[in-house]
Amino acid sequence: MEYDIAAIVRGYAQGYFLMADDNKGLGWYSSRDRTLIPLDERFRYPRSLQRVLNQERFTLSINRDFPSVVAGCAHRETTWISPELQEIYYLLYQNGYAYSFETWQGDQLAGGILGIVIGGAFIGESMFYHIPEGSKVAMVKLVERLRQNQFLLFDAQMMNPHLARFGAYGIKDEEYQSLLKEARQRRCFLV
């Protein structure tokens, strides 16, 4: 199937995101409330995670095994990441828009975060882990990388208790659209 990558990127750049429905059909979605991961002093994490970070049990990489991160994110009881959406993520990756931020323990993929980069916005699509703490370490290290590279926005799309532990907060769509517009003007790079 042919996909219009430019149109897909425009959709994300306007604040929409793709999800598969129960019938595995793809649709564009938006939300009146968006969840952001703070890139300032509001970002936090449990002390127990600091101990894990201090132990340096995990190494980090970007796009070392993009397909496995997508597969890890999609592999759950109920998923919005259909095979068609996996294919779209791979095309976005090939075109320099989608990234996997990964943690490794030796040669084993421990966890990762899948996201789309548009200007100074990192749009987090999903995260997973194979080894406990793998995705949490990825979150802390990704925030550090986004800060270093002057990103304005880390969009986590929807709130959940896991994200709340990192200081995630909600904003209304109007404020989100304003931030997204500003983020689109930046030229930021993850790598």
C-alpha atoms as a PDB file:
ATOM      1  CA  MET A   1       0.000   0.000   0.000  1.00  0.00           C
ATOM      2  CA  GLU A   2       1.225   3.514  -0.797  1.00  0.00           C
ATOM      3  CA  TYR A   3       1.303   6.120   1.970  1.00  0.00           C
ATOM      4  CA  ASP A   4       1.654   9.879   1.610  1.00  0.00           C
ATOM      5  CA  ILE A   5       4.401  10.490   4.188  1.00  0.00           C
ATOM      6  CA  ALA A   6       4.212  14.282   3.758  1.00  0.00           C
ATOM      7  CA  ALA A   7       0.469  14.212   4.528  1.00  0.00           C
ATOM      8  CA  ILE A   8       1.043  11.999   7.580  1.00  0.00           C
ATOM      9  CA  VAL A   9       3.731  14.366   8.891  1.00  0.00           C
ATOM     10  CA  ARG A  10       1.359  17.321   8.301  1.00  0.00           C
ATOM     11  CA  GLY A  11      -1.293  15.539  10.342  1.00  0.00           C
ATOM     12  CA  TYR A  12       1.049  15.114  13.306  1.00  0.00           C
ATOM     13  CA  ALA A  13       2.306  18.697  12.866  1.00  0.00           C
ATOM     14  CA  GLN A  14      -1.299  19.889  13.270  1.00  0.00           C
ATOM     15  CA  GLY A  15      -1.782  17.973  16.513  1.00  0.00           C
ATOM     16  CA  TYR A  16      -3.461  14.798  15.250  1.00  0.00           C
ATOM     17  CA  PHE A  17      -2.251  11.249  15.825  1.00  0.00           C
ATOM     18  CA  LEU A  18      -2.961   7.915  14.168  1.00  0.00           C
ATOM     19  CA  MET A  19      -4.534   4.982  15.985  1.00  0.00           C
ATOM     20  CA  ALA A  20      -6.042   1.702  14.889  1.00  0.00           C
ATOM     21  CA  ASP A  21      -9.587   1.039  16.050  1.00  0.00           C
ATOM     22  CA  ASP A  22     -11.040  -2.292  17.201  1.00  0.00           C
ATOM     23  CA  ASN A  23     -11.448  -3.379  13.575  1.00  0.00           C
ATOM     24  CA  LYS A  24      -7.769  -2.520  12.927  1.00  0.00           C
ATOM     25  CA  GLY A  25      -8.777   0.363  10.646  1.00  0.00           C
ATOM     26  CA  LEU A  26      -6.620   3.485  10.973  1.00  0.00           C
ATOM     27  CA  GLY A  27      -8.005   6.874  11.905  1.00  0.00           C
ATOM     28  CA  TRP A  28      -6.785  10.327  12.834  1.00  0.00           C
ATOM     29  CA  TYR A  29      -7.537  11.420  16.384  1.00  0.00           C
ATOM     30  CA  SER A  30      -7.172  14.549  18.434  1.00  0.00           C
ATOM     31  CA  SER A  31      -7.867  15.422  22.031  1.00  0.00           C
ATOM     32  CA  ARG A  32      -9.174  18.459  23.877  1.00  0.00           C
ATOM     33  CA  ASP A  33      -6.664  17.678  26.612  1.00  0.00           C
ATOM     34  CA  ARG A  34      -3.063  16.726  25.905  1.00  0.00           C
ATOM     35  CA  THR A  35      -0.469  15.278  28.245  1.00  0.00           C
ATOM     36  CA  LEU A  36       3.050  16.688  28.229  1.00  0.00           C
ATOM     37  CA  ILE A  37       6.199  15.388  29.878  1.00  0.00           C
ATOM     38  CA  PRO A  38       7.920  18.451  31.361  1.00  0.00           C
ATOM     39  CA  LEU A  39      11.335  19.364  30.017  1.00  0.00           C
ATOM     40  CA  ASP A  40      12.026  21.678  32.962  1.00  0.00           C
ATOM     41  CA  GLU A  41      12.364  21.313  36.736  1.00  0.00           C
ATOM     42  CA  ARG A  42       8.857  19.794  36.972  1.00  0.00           C
ATOM     43  CA  PHE A  43      10.208  16.523  35.530  1.00  0.00           C
ATOM     44  CA  ARG A  44      10.695  14.033  38.363  1.00  0.00           C
ATOM     45  CA  TYR A  45      11.073  10.344  39.027  1.00  0.00           C
ATOM     46  CA  PRO A  46      11.188   8.004  42.047  1.00  0.00           C
ATOM     47  CA  ARG A  47      14.359   7.760  44.175  1.00  0.00           C
ATOM     48  CA  SER A  48      14.462   4.039  43.477  1.00  0.00           C
ATOM     49  CA  LEU A  49      14.957   4.867  39.816  1.00  0.00           C
ATOM     50  CA  GLN A  50      17.890   7.121  40.694  1.00  0.00           C
ATOM     51  CA  ARG A  51      19.579   4.084  42.261  1.00  0.00           C
ATOM     52  CA  VAL A  52      19.055   2.147  39.011  1.00  0.00           C
ATOM     53  CA  LEU A  53      20.509   5.060  37.022  1.00  0.00           C
ATOM     54  CA  ASN A  54      23.531   5.196  39.357  1.00  0.00           C
ATOM     55  CA  GLN A  55      24.167   1.473  38.798  1.00  0.00           C
ATOM     56  CA  GLU A  56      24.505   2.092  35.037  1.00  0.00           C
ATOM     57  CA  ARG A  57      22.964  -1.289  34.251  1.00  0.00           C
ATOM     58  CA  PHE A  58      21.640  -0.063  30.905  1.00  0.00           C
ATOM     59  CA  THR A  59      23.275   1.408  27.830  1.00  0.00           C
ATOM     60  CA  LEU A  60      21.422   3.748  25.503  1.00  0.00           C
ATOM     61  CA  SER A  61      21.005   3.926  21.757  1.00  0.00           C
ATOM     62  CA  ILE A  62      18.836   5.619  19.169  1.00  0.00           C
ATOM     63  CA  ASN A  63      17.441   3.609  16.244  1.00  0.00           C
ATOM     64  CA  ARG A  64      19.734   0.640  16.873  1.00  0.00           C
ATOM     65  CA  ASP A  65      16.747  -1.697  16.506  1.00  0.00           C
ATOM     66  CA  PHE A  66      13.769   0.414  15.453  1.00  0.00           C
ATOM     67  CA  PRO A  67      11.637  -2.557  14.251  1.00  0.00           C
ATOM     68  CA  SER A  68      11.984  -4.345  17.609  1.00  0.00           C
ATOM     69  CA  VAL A  69      10.930  -1.232  19.523  1.00  0.00           C
ATOM     70  CA  VAL A  70       7.840  -0.875  17.341  1.00  0.00           C
ATOM     71  CA  ALA A  71       7.077  -4.583  17.831  1.00  0.00           C
ATOM     72  CA  GLY A  72       7.593  -4.241  21.601  1.00  0.00           C
ATOM     73  CA  CYS A  73       5.218  -1.279  21.735  1.00  0.00           C
ATOM     74  CA  ALA A  74       2.591  -3.134  19.686  1.00  0.00           C
ATOM     75  CA  HIS A  75       2.829  -6.402  21.645  1.00  0.00           C
ATOM     76  CA  ARG A  76       0.127  -6.047  24.280  1.00  0.00           C
ATOM     77  CA  GLU A  77      -3.315  -7.435  24.958  1.00  0.00           C
ATOM     78  CA  THR A  78      -5.089  -4.446  23.425  1.00  0.00           C
ATOM     79  CA  THR A  79      -3.093  -2.272  21.072  1.00  0.00           C
ATOM     80  CA  TRP A  80      -3.725   0.733  18.859  1.00  0.00           C
ATOM     81  CA  ILE A  81      -0.596  -0.159  16.844  1.00  0.00           C
ATOM     82  CA  SER A  82      -1.910  -2.330  14.011  1.00  0.00           C
ATOM     83  CA  PRO A  83       0.364  -3.943  11.401  1.00  0.00           C
ATOM     84  CA  GLU A  84      -0.559  -1.076   9.046  1.00  0.00           C
ATOM     85  CA  LEU A  85       0.475   1.518  11.631  1.00  0.00           C
ATOM     86  CA  GLN A  86       3.724  -0.395  12.239  1.00  0.00           C
ATOM     87  CA  GLU A  87       4.423  -0.081   8.517  1.00  0.00           C
ATOM     88  CA  ILE A  88       3.727   3.677   8.648  1.00  0.00           C
ATOM     89  CA  TYR A  89       6.091   4.102  11.616  1.00  0.00           C
ATOM     90  CA  TYR A  90       8.788   2.290   9.651  1.00  0.00           C
ATOM     91  CA  LEU A  91       8.262   4.600   6.656  1.00  0.00           C
ATOM     92  CA  LEU A  92       8.420   7.627   8.965  1.00  0.00           C
ATOM     93  CA  TYR A  93      11.664   6.214  10.376  1.00  0.00           C
ATOM     94  CA  GLN A  94      13.105   5.740   6.884  1.00  0.00           C
ATOM     95  CA  ASN A  95      12.222   9.370   6.130  1.00  0.00           C
ATOM     96  CA  GLY A  96      13.855  10.733   9.293  1.00  0.00           C
ATOM     97  CA  TYR A  97      10.725  11.451  11.370  1.00  0.00           C
ATOM     98  CA  ALA A  98      10.274   8.426  13.656  1.00  0.00           C
ATOM     99  CA  TYR A  99      12.820   7.371  16.268  1.00  0.00           C
ATOM    100  CA  SER A 100      13.311   4.644  18.815  1.00  0.00           C
ATOM    101  CA  PHE A 101      15.089   5.662  22.016  1.00  0.00           C
ATOM    102  CA  GLU A 102      16.348   2.393  23.481  1.00  0.00           C
ATOM    103  CA  THR A 103      17.869   0.893  26.610  1.00  0.00           C
ATOM    104  CA  TRP A 104      19.972  -2.245  26.427  1.00  0.00           C
ATOM    105  CA  GLN A 105      21.349  -4.677  28.962  1.00  0.00           C
ATOM    106  CA  GLY A 106      24.280  -6.252  27.169  1.00  0.00           C
ATOM    107  CA  ASP A 107      22.900  -7.346  23.807  1.00  0.00           C
ATOM    108  CA  GLN A 108      19.310  -7.597  25.062  1.00  0.00           C
ATOM    109  CA  LEU A 109      16.821  -4.840  24.289  1.00  0.00           C
ATOM    110  CA  ALA A 110      15.578  -3.778  27.730  1.00  0.00           C
ATOM    111  CA  GLY A 111      12.996  -1.190  26.744  1.00  0.00           C
ATOM    112  CA  GLY A 112      12.295   1.764  24.581  1.00  0.00           C
ATOM    113  CA  ILE A 113      10.219   4.734  23.545  1.00  0.00           C
ATOM    114  CA  LEU A 114       8.815   5.228  20.064  1.00  0.00           C
ATOM    115  CA  GLY A 115       8.262   8.790  18.909  1.00  0.00           C
ATOM    116  CA  ILE A 116       7.987  11.210  16.030  1.00  0.00           C
ATOM    117  CA  VAL A 117      10.148  14.333  15.775  1.00  0.00           C
ATOM    118  CA  ILE A 118       8.771  17.428  14.074  1.00  0.00           C
ATOM    119  CA  GLY A 119      10.905  20.521  14.618  1.00  0.00           C
ATOM    120  CA  GLY A 120      11.300  20.953  18.379  1.00  0.00           C
ATOM    121  CA  ALA A 121       8.469  18.549  19.246  1.00  0.00           C
ATOM    122  CA  PHE A 122       8.953  14.935  20.306  1.00  0.00           C
ATOM    123  CA  ILE A 123       5.598  13.195  19.960  1.00  0.00           C
ATOM    124  CA  GLY A 124       5.724  10.066  22.072  1.00  0.00           C
ATOM    125  CA  GLU A 125       3.708   7.275  20.513  1.00  0.00           C
ATOM    126  CA  SER A 126       4.356   4.410  22.907  1.00  0.00           C
ATOM    127  CA  MET A 127       6.837   2.778  25.256  1.00  0.00           C
ATOM    128  CA  PHE A 128       7.543  -0.762  26.455  1.00  0.00           C
ATOM    129  CA  TYR A 129      10.013  -2.821  28.443  1.00  0.00           C
ATOM    130  CA  HIS A 130      11.341  -6.380  28.432  1.00  0.00           C
ATOM    131  CA  ILE A 131      13.504  -5.841  31.526  1.00  0.00           C
ATOM    132  CA  PRO A 132      12.056  -4.011  34.557  1.00  0.00           C
ATOM    133  CA  GLU A 133      13.085  -0.329  34.678  1.00  0.00           C
ATOM    134  CA  GLY A 134      14.146  -0.419  30.998  1.00  0.00           C
ATOM    135  CA  SER A 135      11.483   2.011  29.793  1.00  0.00           C
ATOM    136  CA  LYS A 136      11.798   4.243  32.876  1.00  0.00           C
ATOM    137  CA  VAL A 137      15.533   4.691  32.320  1.00  0.00           C
ATOM    138  CA  ALA A 138      14.758   5.417  28.661  1.00  0.00           C
ATOM    139  CA  MET A 139      12.305   8.131  29.763  1.00  0.00           C
ATOM    140  CA  VAL A 140      14.851   9.865  32.023  1.00  0.00           C
ATOM    141  CA  LYS A 141      17.600   9.708  29.405  1.00  0.00           C
ATOM    142  CA  LEU A 142      15.263  10.860  26.625  1.00  0.00           C
ATOM    143  CA  VAL A 143      14.231  13.919  28.648  1.00  0.00           C
ATOM    144  CA  GLU A 144      17.921  14.709  29.207  1.00  0.00           C
ATOM    145  CA  ARG A 145      18.556  14.418  25.444  1.00  0.00           C
ATOM    146  CA  LEU A 146      15.551  16.576  24.552  1.00  0.00           C
ATOM    147  CA  ARG A 147      16.728  19.266  26.986  1.00  0.00           C
ATOM    148  CA  GLN A 148      20.295  19.196  25.604  1.00  0.00           C
ATOM    149  CA  ASN A 149      19.023  19.580  22.047  1.00  0.00           C
ATOM    150  CA  GLN A 150      16.648  22.462  22.843  1.00  0.00           C
ATOM    151  CA  PHE A 151      13.346  20.651  22.241  1.00  0.00           C
ATOM    152  CA  LEU A 152      10.318  22.650  23.337  1.00  0.00           C
ATOM    153  CA  LEU A 153       7.738  19.913  23.666  1.00  0.00           C
ATOM    154  CA  PHE A 154       7.474  16.259  24.730  1.00  0.00           C
ATOM    155  CA  ASP A 155       3.921  15.225  23.868  1.00  0.00           C
ATOM    156  CA  ALA A 156       2.797  12.051  25.638  1.00  0.00           C
ATOM    157  CA  GLN A 157      -0.729  12.388  24.197  1.00  0.00           C
ATOM    158  CA  MET A 158      -2.776  10.772  27.012  1.00  0.00           C
ATOM    159  CA  MET A 159      -2.298  10.731  30.781  1.00  0.00           C
ATOM    160  CA  ASN A 160      -1.832   7.535  32.748  1.00  0.00           C
ATOM    161  CA  PRO A 161      -0.561   6.835  36.291  1.00  0.00           C
ATOM    162  CA  HIS A 162       2.877   5.807  34.998  1.00  0.00           C
ATOM    163  CA  LEU A 163       3.417   9.155  33.242  1.00  0.00           C
ATOM    164  CA  ALA A 164       2.049  11.113  36.213  1.00  0.00           C
ATOM    165  CA  ARG A 165       4.951   9.752  38.313  1.00  0.00           C
ATOM    166  CA  PHE A 166       7.315  11.642  35.985  1.00  0.00           C
ATOM    167  CA  GLY A 167       5.489  14.930  36.468  1.00  0.00           C
ATOM    168  CA  ALA A 168       3.350  14.675  33.333  1.00  0.00           C
ATOM    169  CA  TYR A 169       0.637  17.294  33.188  1.00  0.00           C
ATOM    170  CA  GLY A 170      -2.347  18.119  31.025  1.00  0.00           C
ATOM    171  CA  ILE A 171      -2.991  21.188  28.929  1.00  0.00           C
ATOM    172  CA  LYS A 172      -5.964  22.278  26.840  1.00  0.00           C
ATOM    173  CA  ASP A 173      -5.824  21.935  23.064  1.00  0.00           C
ATOM    174  CA  GLU A 174      -5.579  25.699  22.488  1.00  0.00           C
ATOM    175  CA  GLU A 175      -2.381  25.923  24.565  1.00  0.00           C
ATOM    176  CA  TYR A 176      -1.061  22.734  22.971  1.00  0.00           C
ATOM    177  CA  GLN A 177      -1.612  24.109  19.458  1.00  0.00           C
ATOM    178  CA  SER A 178       0.281  27.277  20.388  1.00  0.00           C
ATOM    179  CA  LEU A 179       3.240  25.274  21.752  1.00  0.00           C
ATOM    180  CA  LEU A 180       3.196  22.961  18.751  1.00  0.00           C
ATOM    181  CA  LYS A 181       3.257  25.925  16.367  1.00  0.00           C
ATOM    182  CA  GLU A 182       6.279  27.340  18.209  1.00  0.00           C
ATOM    183  CA  ALA A 183       7.978  23.903  18.263  1.00  0.00           C
ATOM    184  CA  ARG A 184       7.508  23.511  14.486  1.00  0.00           C
ATOM    185  CA  GLN A 185       9.661  26.629  13.968  1.00  0.00           C
ATOM    186  CA  ARG A 186      12.673  24.996  15.645  1.00  0.00           C
ATOM    187  CA  ARG A 187      15.240  22.736  14.023  1.00  0.00           C
ATOM    188  CA  CYS A 188      16.049  20.171  16.684  1.00  0.00           C
ATOM    189  CA  PHE A 189      17.725  16.816  16.291  1.00  0.00           C
ATOM    190  CA  LEU A 190      17.536  13.764  18.514  1.00  0.00           C
ATOM    191  CA  VAL A 191      20.768  12.241  17.262  1.00  0.00           C
END
